[in-house]
Amino acid sequence: MKNGQGIFITGTDTDIGKTYVCRVLIKGFAPWQTVTYMKPVQTGCRRDAAGMLKAPDFEYVMQGDALLRADPDDHVPYRFEPACSPHLAASRAGVTISLEHIREKFNRVSATTAVTIVEGAGGVLTPLSETTSMLDLTEHLQLPVVVVTSPRIGTINHTLLTIEALAKRGIEPVGLVVNNRQELPEDFIYHDTLRLLHEHLPGVLFLEIGYKEECTHKAEEFCHAIVERL
């Protein structure tokens, strides 16, 4: 990939494992591409001894193979302390989240990097303000999209609703990551869920991740397949 390109990671819900998946995908890209990470909006930040807000997702991902390409404030331009929806955290801080500001930061972070993994907050319709959502940001950045879901009961509905919301903006995800972070058994429910998702999403690349699984080889294959599609 050429410098300045990226992949947007969204999910079917909050706490679905997007940050872990970002680290896995970065590990998949790192052997053959320069790769970095950006979290445009982070809530649930904590203050260090100097009173500065630290973004836990950014710190976790950067412990892996991601390269620091700019000031940390460029990688995470909006940081908020309350662990709540971005629109509420921003409102309480007296801040308006600007899509254009995020775009400017993305351009800076990605300028010398082949792949920038951009992680959204929550699901696609998570509000960033009273009038904008994470879906608006996804559309604004115009990056290929990978959706993170899980194999738990209810995921068919949540996943297909997410895909439908993206489709209404003309966005067809390039990949789906099924993240089994709850260590669910690979029983008849698990296999039927995956079967139905494959049937409904025939043109989408799939990556299955087990709980704390060492999936470097699978992730690298998935990343190569994404690049071939772009």
C-alpha atoms as a PDB file:
ATOM      1  CA  MET A   1       0.000   0.000   0.000  1.00  0.00           C
ATOM      2  CA  LYS A   2       1.089   3.573  -0.616  1.00  0.00           C
ATOM      3  CA  ASN A   3       1.669   5.970   2.260  1.00  0.00           C
ATOM      4  CA  GLY A   4      -1.459   7.742   3.434  1.00  0.00           C
ATOM      5  CA  GLN A   5      -3.826   4.795   3.179  1.00  0.00           C
ATOM      6  CA  GLY A   6      -5.759   3.268   6.023  1.00  0.00           C
ATOM      7  CA  ILE A   7      -8.418   0.856   7.220  1.00  0.00           C
ATOM      8  CA  PHE A   8     -11.341   1.815   9.445  1.00  0.00           C
ATOM      9  CA  ILE A   9     -12.209  -0.671  12.191  1.00  0.00           C
ATOM     10  CA  THR A  10     -15.791  -0.531  13.428  1.00  0.00           C
ATOM     11  CA  GLY A  11     -17.879  -2.948  15.453  1.00  0.00           C
ATOM     12  CA  THR A  12     -21.362  -4.265  16.021  1.00  0.00           C
ATOM     13  CA  ASP A  13     -21.321  -2.888  19.568  1.00  0.00           C
ATOM     14  CA  THR A  14     -19.131  -1.396  22.243  1.00  0.00           C
ATOM     15  CA  ASP A  15     -16.844  -3.806  24.106  1.00  0.00           C
ATOM     16  CA  ILE A  16     -16.760  -6.152  21.118  1.00  0.00           C
ATOM     17  CA  GLY A  17     -12.947  -6.306  21.055  1.00  0.00           C
ATOM     18  CA  LYS A  18     -12.090  -3.734  18.385  1.00  0.00           C
ATOM     19  CA  THR A  19      -8.906  -2.620  20.135  1.00  0.00           C
ATOM     20  CA  TYR A  20      -7.603  -6.170  20.435  1.00  0.00           C
ATOM     21  CA  VAL A  21      -8.425  -6.789  16.775  1.00  0.00           C
ATOM     22  CA  CYS A  22      -6.552  -3.609  15.820  1.00  0.00           C
ATOM     23  CA  ARG A  23      -3.456  -4.940  17.553  1.00  0.00           C
ATOM     24  CA  VAL A  24      -3.871  -8.317  15.835  1.00  0.00           C
ATOM     25  CA  LEU A  25      -4.208  -6.709  12.392  1.00  0.00           C
ATOM     26  CA  ILE A  26      -1.235  -4.459  13.003  1.00  0.00           C
ATOM     27  CA  LYS A  27       0.776  -7.569  13.818  1.00  0.00           C
ATOM     28  CA  GLY A  28      -0.460  -9.039  10.542  1.00  0.00           C
ATOM     29  CA  PHE A  29       0.676  -6.020   8.540  1.00  0.00           C
ATOM     30  CA  ALA A  30       3.933  -5.284  10.367  1.00  0.00           C
ATOM     31  CA  PRO A  31       6.197  -7.908   8.683  1.00  0.00           C
ATOM     32  CA  TRP A  32       5.649  -6.398   5.242  1.00  0.00           C
ATOM     33  CA  GLN A  33       4.108  -2.909   5.660  1.00  0.00           C
ATOM     34  CA  THR A  34       4.804   0.138   7.803  1.00  0.00           C
ATOM     35  CA  VAL A  35       1.761   0.364  10.037  1.00  0.00           C
ATOM     36  CA  THR A  36       0.431   2.701  12.708  1.00  0.00           C
ATOM     37  CA  TYR A  37      -2.746   3.245  14.737  1.00  0.00           C
ATOM     38  CA  MET A  38      -5.185   6.067  15.308  1.00  0.00           C
ATOM     39  CA  LYS A  39      -8.099   6.343  17.736  1.00  0.00           C
ATOM     40  CA  PRO A  40      -9.942   9.552  16.763  1.00  0.00           C
ATOM     41  CA  VAL A  41     -12.124   9.637  19.885  1.00  0.00           C
ATOM     42  CA  GLN A  42     -11.312   7.952  23.194  1.00  0.00           C
ATOM     43  CA  THR A  43     -13.574   8.131  26.233  1.00  0.00           C
ATOM     44  CA  GLY A  44     -12.756   6.562  29.591  1.00  0.00           C
ATOM     45  CA  CYS A  45      -9.301   8.152  29.686  1.00  0.00           C
ATOM     46  CA  ARG A  46      -7.363   8.485  32.924  1.00  0.00           C
ATOM     47  CA  ARG A  47      -5.181  11.302  34.204  1.00  0.00           C
ATOM     48  CA  ASP A  48      -1.515  10.752  34.938  1.00  0.00           C
ATOM     49  CA  ALA A  49       0.444  12.390  37.745  1.00  0.00           C
ATOM     50  CA  ALA A  50       0.800  15.550  35.645  1.00  0.00           C
ATOM     51  CA  GLY A  51      -2.959  15.725  35.004  1.00  0.00           C
ATOM     52  CA  MET A  52      -2.674  14.713  31.348  1.00  0.00           C
ATOM     53  CA  LEU A  53      -5.333  12.438  29.883  1.00  0.00           C
ATOM     54  CA  LYS A  54      -3.956   9.055  28.827  1.00  0.00           C
ATOM     55  CA  ALA A  55      -5.817   6.970  26.235  1.00  0.00           C
ATOM     56  CA  PRO A  56      -5.810   3.298  27.313  1.00  0.00           C
ATOM     57  CA  ASP A  57      -6.612   1.866  23.866  1.00  0.00           C
ATOM     58  CA  PHE A  58      -3.756   3.810  22.276  1.00  0.00           C
ATOM     59  CA  GLU A  59      -1.313   2.713  24.973  1.00  0.00           C
ATOM     60  CA  TYR A  60      -2.348  -0.943  24.604  1.00  0.00           C
ATOM     61  CA  VAL A  61      -2.033  -1.005  20.813  1.00  0.00           C
ATOM     62  CA  MET A  62       1.267   0.867  20.784  1.00  0.00           C
ATOM     63  CA  GLN A  63       2.787  -1.815  23.023  1.00  0.00           C
ATOM     64  CA  GLY A  64       2.580  -4.056  19.938  1.00  0.00           C
ATOM     65  CA  ASP A  65       4.013  -3.476  16.470  1.00  0.00           C
ATOM     66  CA  ALA A  66       2.466  -0.104  15.638  1.00  0.00           C
ATOM     67  CA  LEU A  67       4.847   2.744  14.823  1.00  0.00           C
ATOM     68  CA  LEU A  68       4.481   6.177  16.405  1.00  0.00           C
ATOM     69  CA  ARG A  69       4.240   8.540  13.417  1.00  0.00           C
ATOM     70  CA  ALA A  70       3.308  11.858  15.034  1.00  0.00           C
ATOM     71  CA  ASP A  71       2.579  13.427  18.389  1.00  0.00           C
ATOM     72  CA  PRO A  72       0.287  11.194  20.510  1.00  0.00           C
ATOM     73  CA  ASP A  73      -2.315  13.973  20.377  1.00  0.00           C
ATOM     74  CA  ASP A  74      -2.429  13.478  16.607  1.00  0.00           C
ATOM     75  CA  HIS A  75      -2.985   9.746  17.037  1.00  0.00           C
ATOM     76  CA  VAL A  76      -5.782  10.394  19.575  1.00  0.00           C
ATOM     77  CA  PRO A  77      -7.087  13.911  18.902  1.00  0.00           C
ATOM     78  CA  TYR A  78     -10.119  13.731  21.195  1.00  0.00           C
ATOM     79  CA  ARG A  79      -9.687  12.384  24.733  1.00  0.00           C
ATOM     80  CA  PHE A  80     -12.335  12.458  27.428  1.00  0.00           C
ATOM     81  CA  GLU A  81     -12.383  11.218  30.999  1.00  0.00           C
ATOM     82  CA  PRO A  82     -15.971   9.945  31.416  1.00  0.00           C
ATOM     83  CA  ALA A  83     -16.493   6.404  30.117  1.00  0.00           C
ATOM     84  CA  CYS A  84     -19.625   7.255  28.139  1.00  0.00           C
ATOM     85  CA  SER A  85     -20.787   7.971  24.607  1.00  0.00           C
ATOM     86  CA  PRO A  86     -18.499  10.405  22.726  1.00  0.00           C
ATOM     87  CA  HIS A  87     -21.279  12.966  22.226  1.00  0.00           C
ATOM     88  CA  LEU A  88     -21.994  13.113  25.962  1.00  0.00           C
ATOM     89  CA  ALA A  89     -18.340  13.204  26.979  1.00  0.00           C
ATOM     90  CA  ALA A  90     -17.658  15.990  24.467  1.00  0.00           C
ATOM     91  CA  SER A  91     -20.712  17.954  25.608  1.00  0.00           C
ATOM     92  CA  ARG A  92     -19.650  17.779  29.253  1.00  0.00           C
ATOM     93  CA  ALA A  93     -16.181  18.992  28.260  1.00  0.00           C
ATOM     94  CA  GLY A  94     -17.577  21.845  26.156  1.00  0.00           C
ATOM     95  CA  VAL A  95     -15.981  20.404  23.023  1.00  0.00           C
ATOM     96  CA  THR A  96     -17.393  19.867  19.543  1.00  0.00           C
ATOM     97  CA  ILE A  97     -15.974  16.855  17.733  1.00  0.00           C
ATOM     98  CA  SER A  98     -14.998  17.955  14.225  1.00  0.00           C
ATOM     99  CA  LEU A  99     -14.825  15.417  11.408  1.00  0.00           C
ATOM    100  CA  GLU A 100     -12.530  17.705   9.448  1.00  0.00           C
ATOM    101  CA  HIS A 101     -10.164  18.034  12.408  1.00  0.00           C
ATOM    102  CA  ILE A 102      -9.974  14.235  12.610  1.00  0.00           C
ATOM    103  CA  ARG A 103      -9.277  14.098   8.884  1.00  0.00           C
ATOM    104  CA  GLU A 104      -6.403  16.564   9.282  1.00  0.00           C
ATOM    105  CA  LYS A 105      -4.919  14.460  12.073  1.00  0.00           C
ATOM    106  CA  PHE A 106      -5.302  11.303   9.976  1.00  0.00           C
ATOM    107  CA  ASN A 107      -3.435  12.961   7.107  1.00  0.00           C
ATOM    108  CA  ARG A 108      -0.593  13.858   9.450  1.00  0.00           C
ATOM    109  CA  VAL A 109      -0.363  10.434  11.101  1.00  0.00           C
ATOM    110  CA  SER A 110      -0.606   8.502   7.835  1.00  0.00           C
ATOM    111  CA  ALA A 111       1.670  10.681   5.700  1.00  0.00           C
ATOM    112  CA  THR A 112       4.748   8.473   6.140  1.00  0.00           C
ATOM    113  CA  THR A 113       2.965   5.175   6.792  1.00  0.00           C
ATOM    114  CA  ALA A 114       1.614   2.580   4.375  1.00  0.00           C
ATOM    115  CA  VAL A 115      -1.256   1.440   6.610  1.00  0.00           C
ATOM    116  CA  THR A 116      -3.009   3.403   9.334  1.00  0.00           C
ATOM    117  CA  ILE A 117      -5.469   1.372  11.377  1.00  0.00           C
ATOM    118  CA  VAL A 118      -8.227   3.729  12.522  1.00  0.00           C
ATOM    119  CA  GLU A 119     -10.426   2.474  15.347  1.00  0.00           C
ATOM    120  CA  GLY A 120     -13.919   3.832  15.820  1.00  0.00           C
ATOM    121  CA  ALA A 121     -15.743   4.119  19.140  1.00  0.00           C
ATOM    122  CA  GLY A 122     -18.690   1.828  19.824  1.00  0.00           C
ATOM    123  CA  GLY A 123     -20.834   0.847  16.851  1.00  0.00           C
ATOM    124  CA  VAL A 124     -21.510   2.607  13.563  1.00  0.00           C
ATOM    125  CA  LEU A 125     -24.370   4.733  14.898  1.00  0.00           C
ATOM    126  CA  THR A 126     -22.591   5.829  18.072  1.00  0.00           C
ATOM    127  CA  PRO A 127     -23.189   9.603  18.260  1.00  0.00           C
ATOM    128  CA  LEU A 128     -20.286  12.029  18.097  1.00  0.00           C
ATOM    129  CA  SER A 129     -22.576  15.027  18.526  1.00  0.00           C
ATOM    130  CA  GLU A 130     -26.274  15.796  18.349  1.00  0.00           C
ATOM    131  CA  THR A 131     -26.049  15.702  14.553  1.00  0.00           C
ATOM    132  CA  THR A 132     -23.128  13.407  13.664  1.00  0.00           C
ATOM    133  CA  SER A 133     -22.304   9.767  14.282  1.00  0.00           C
ATOM    134  CA  MET A 134     -19.439   7.342  13.869  1.00  0.00           C
ATOM    135  CA  LEU A 135     -21.010   6.440  10.529  1.00  0.00           C
ATOM    136  CA  ASP A 136     -20.540  10.038   9.380  1.00  0.00           C
ATOM    137  CA  LEU A 137     -16.874   9.819  10.323  1.00  0.00           C
ATOM    138  CA  THR A 138     -16.529   6.523   8.472  1.00  0.00           C
ATOM    139  CA  GLU A 139     -17.994   8.109   5.354  1.00  0.00           C
ATOM    140  CA  HIS A 140     -15.902  11.264   5.780  1.00  0.00           C
ATOM    141  CA  LEU A 141     -12.581   9.409   5.960  1.00  0.00           C
ATOM    142  CA  GLN A 142     -13.465   7.218   2.953  1.00  0.00           C
ATOM    143  CA  LEU A 143     -11.390   4.282   4.144  1.00  0.00           C
ATOM    144  CA  PRO A 144     -11.998   0.563   3.590  1.00  0.00           C
ATOM    145  CA  VAL A 145     -13.999  -0.819   6.511  1.00  0.00           C
ATOM    146  CA  VAL A 146     -13.499  -3.941   8.607  1.00  0.00           C
ATOM    147  CA  VAL A 147     -16.322  -4.871  10.977  1.00  0.00           C
ATOM    148  CA  VAL A 148     -15.632  -6.634  14.278  1.00  0.00           C
ATOM    149  CA  THR A 149     -18.337  -8.923  15.617  1.00  0.00           C
ATOM    150  CA  SER A 150     -18.591 -11.970  17.896  1.00  0.00           C
ATOM    151  CA  PRO A 151     -20.069 -15.469  17.620  1.00  0.00           C
ATOM    152  CA  ARG A 152     -22.447 -14.979  20.549  1.00  0.00           C
ATOM    153  CA  ILE A 153     -26.214 -15.318  20.292  1.00  0.00           C
ATOM    154  CA  GLY A 154     -27.701 -12.167  18.750  1.00  0.00           C
ATOM    155  CA  THR A 155     -24.700 -11.479  16.568  1.00  0.00           C
ATOM    156  CA  ILE A 156     -26.503 -12.286  13.310  1.00  0.00           C
ATOM    157  CA  ASN A 157     -28.982  -9.493  13.952  1.00  0.00           C
ATOM    158  CA  HIS A 158     -26.332  -7.035  15.182  1.00  0.00           C
ATOM    159  CA  THR A 159     -23.944  -7.805  12.344  1.00  0.00           C
ATOM    160  CA  LEU A 160     -26.493  -7.557   9.556  1.00  0.00           C
ATOM    161  CA  LEU A 161     -27.917  -4.319  10.993  1.00  0.00           C
ATOM    162  CA  THR A 162     -24.387  -2.889  11.001  1.00  0.00           C
ATOM    163  CA  ILE A 163     -23.836  -3.985   7.401  1.00  0.00           C
ATOM    164  CA  GLU A 164     -27.204  -2.491   6.426  1.00  0.00           C
ATOM    165  CA  ALA A 165     -26.363   0.846   8.047  1.00  0.00           C
ATOM    166  CA  LEU A 166     -23.059   0.954   6.156  1.00  0.00           C
ATOM    167  CA  ALA A 167     -24.767  -0.015   2.883  1.00  0.00           C
ATOM    168  CA  LYS A 168     -27.142   2.945   3.165  1.00  0.00           C
ATOM    169  CA  ARG A 169     -24.052   5.168   2.843  1.00  0.00           C
ATOM    170  CA  GLY A 170     -22.689   3.138  -0.045  1.00  0.00           C
ATOM    171  CA  ILE A 171     -20.070   1.446   2.141  1.00  0.00           C
ATOM    172  CA  GLU A 172     -19.418  -2.261   1.616  1.00  0.00           C
ATOM    173  CA  PRO A 173     -17.045  -3.641   4.247  1.00  0.00           C
ATOM    174  CA  VAL A 174     -13.986  -5.422   2.941  1.00  0.00           C
ATOM    175  CA  GLY A 175     -13.715  -7.727   5.945  1.00  0.00           C
ATOM    176  CA  LEU A 176     -15.455  -9.193   8.980  1.00  0.00           C
ATOM    177  CA  VAL A 177     -13.544 -10.311  12.072  1.00  0.00           C
ATOM    178  CA  VAL A 178     -15.367 -12.776  14.328  1.00  0.00           C
ATOM    179  CA  ASN A 179     -13.745 -12.245  17.713  1.00  0.00           C
ATOM    180  CA  ASN A 180     -14.510 -15.012  20.220  1.00  0.00           C
ATOM    181  CA  ARG A 181     -13.383 -13.058  23.263  1.00  0.00           C
ATOM    182  CA  GLN A 182     -15.932 -14.825  25.494  1.00  0.00           C
ATOM    183  CA  GLU A 183     -14.428 -18.261  24.799  1.00  0.00           C
ATOM    184  CA  LEU A 184     -17.739 -19.564  23.497  1.00  0.00           C
ATOM    185  CA  PRO A 185     -17.678 -23.259  22.548  1.00  0.00           C
ATOM    186  CA  GLU A 186     -17.491 -23.991  18.838  1.00  0.00           C
ATOM    187  CA  ASP A 187     -20.745 -25.919  18.983  1.00  0.00           C
ATOM    188  CA  PHE A 188     -23.700 -26.183  16.587  1.00  0.00           C
ATOM    189  CA  ILE A 189     -24.785 -22.605  17.422  1.00  0.00           C
ATOM    190  CA  TYR A 190     -21.318 -21.234  16.698  1.00  0.00           C
ATOM    191  CA  HIS A 191     -21.015 -23.041  13.370  1.00  0.00           C
ATOM    192  CA  ASP A 192     -24.511 -22.130  12.211  1.00  0.00           C
ATOM    193  CA  THR A 193     -23.917 -18.479  13.084  1.00  0.00           C
ATOM    194  CA  LEU A 194     -20.768 -18.446  10.961  1.00  0.00           C
ATOM    195  CA  ARG A 195     -22.551 -20.276   8.154  1.00  0.00           C
ATOM    196  CA  LEU A 196     -25.352 -17.713   8.007  1.00  0.00           C
ATOM    197  CA  LEU A 197     -22.935 -14.779   8.116  1.00  0.00           C
ATOM    198  CA  HIS A 198     -20.954 -16.272   5.240  1.00  0.00           C
ATOM    199  CA  GLU A 199     -24.156 -16.760   3.234  1.00  0.00           C
ATOM    200  CA  HIS A 200     -25.365 -13.205   3.832  1.00  0.00           C
ATOM    201  CA  LEU A 201     -21.936 -11.661   3.158  1.00  0.00           C
ATOM    202  CA  PRO A 202     -20.517 -13.596   0.197  1.00  0.00           C
ATOM    203  CA  GLY A 203     -18.077 -10.907  -0.923  1.00  0.00           C
ATOM    204  CA  VAL A 204     -16.622 -10.168   2.501  1.00  0.00           C
ATOM    205  CA  LEU A 205     -13.318 -11.545   3.800  1.00  0.00           C
ATOM    206  CA  PHE A 206     -13.594 -13.437   7.114  1.00  0.00           C
ATOM    207  CA  LEU A 207     -11.131 -13.778   9.975  1.00  0.00           C
ATOM    208  CA  GLU A 208     -11.961 -15.871  13.050  1.00  0.00           C
ATOM    209  CA  ILE A 209     -10.057 -15.113  16.248  1.00  0.00           C
ATOM    210  CA  GLY A 210     -10.136 -17.334  19.320  1.00  0.00           C
ATOM    211  CA  TYR A 211      -9.695 -16.054  22.859  1.00  0.00           C
ATOM    212  CA  LYS A 212      -6.043 -15.011  23.321  1.00  0.00           C
ATOM    213  CA  GLU A 213      -5.230 -17.094  20.264  1.00  0.00           C
ATOM    214  CA  GLU A 214      -1.837 -16.739  18.609  1.00  0.00           C
ATOM    215  CA  CYS A 215      -3.241 -15.940  15.172  1.00  0.00           C
ATOM    216  CA  THR A 216      -0.319 -14.183  13.490  1.00  0.00           C
ATOM    217  CA  HIS A 217      -0.370 -16.358  10.368  1.00  0.00           C
ATOM    218  CA  LYS A 218      -4.143 -16.053   9.895  1.00  0.00           C
ATOM    219  CA  ALA A 219      -3.997 -12.301  10.492  1.00  0.00           C
ATOM    220  CA  GLU A 220      -1.195 -11.848   7.958  1.00  0.00           C
ATOM    221  CA  GLU A 221      -3.152 -13.815   5.338  1.00  0.00           C
ATOM    222  CA  PHE A 222      -6.229 -11.699   6.074  1.00  0.00           C
ATOM    223  CA  CYS A 223      -4.225  -8.482   5.725  1.00  0.00           C
ATOM    224  CA  HIS A 224      -2.692  -9.624   2.431  1.00  0.00           C
ATOM    225  CA  ALA A 225      -6.182 -10.465   1.138  1.00  0.00           C
ATOM    226  CA  ILE A 226      -7.454  -7.008   2.123  1.00  0.00           C
ATOM    227  CA  VAL A 227      -4.649  -5.297   0.193  1.00  0.00           C
ATOM    228  CA  GLU A 228      -5.392  -7.444  -2.843  1.00  0.00           C
ATOM    229  CA  ARG A 229      -9.003  -6.238  -2.744  1.00  0.00           C
ATOM    230  CA  LEU A 230      -8.146  -2.543  -2.578  1.00  0.00           C
END
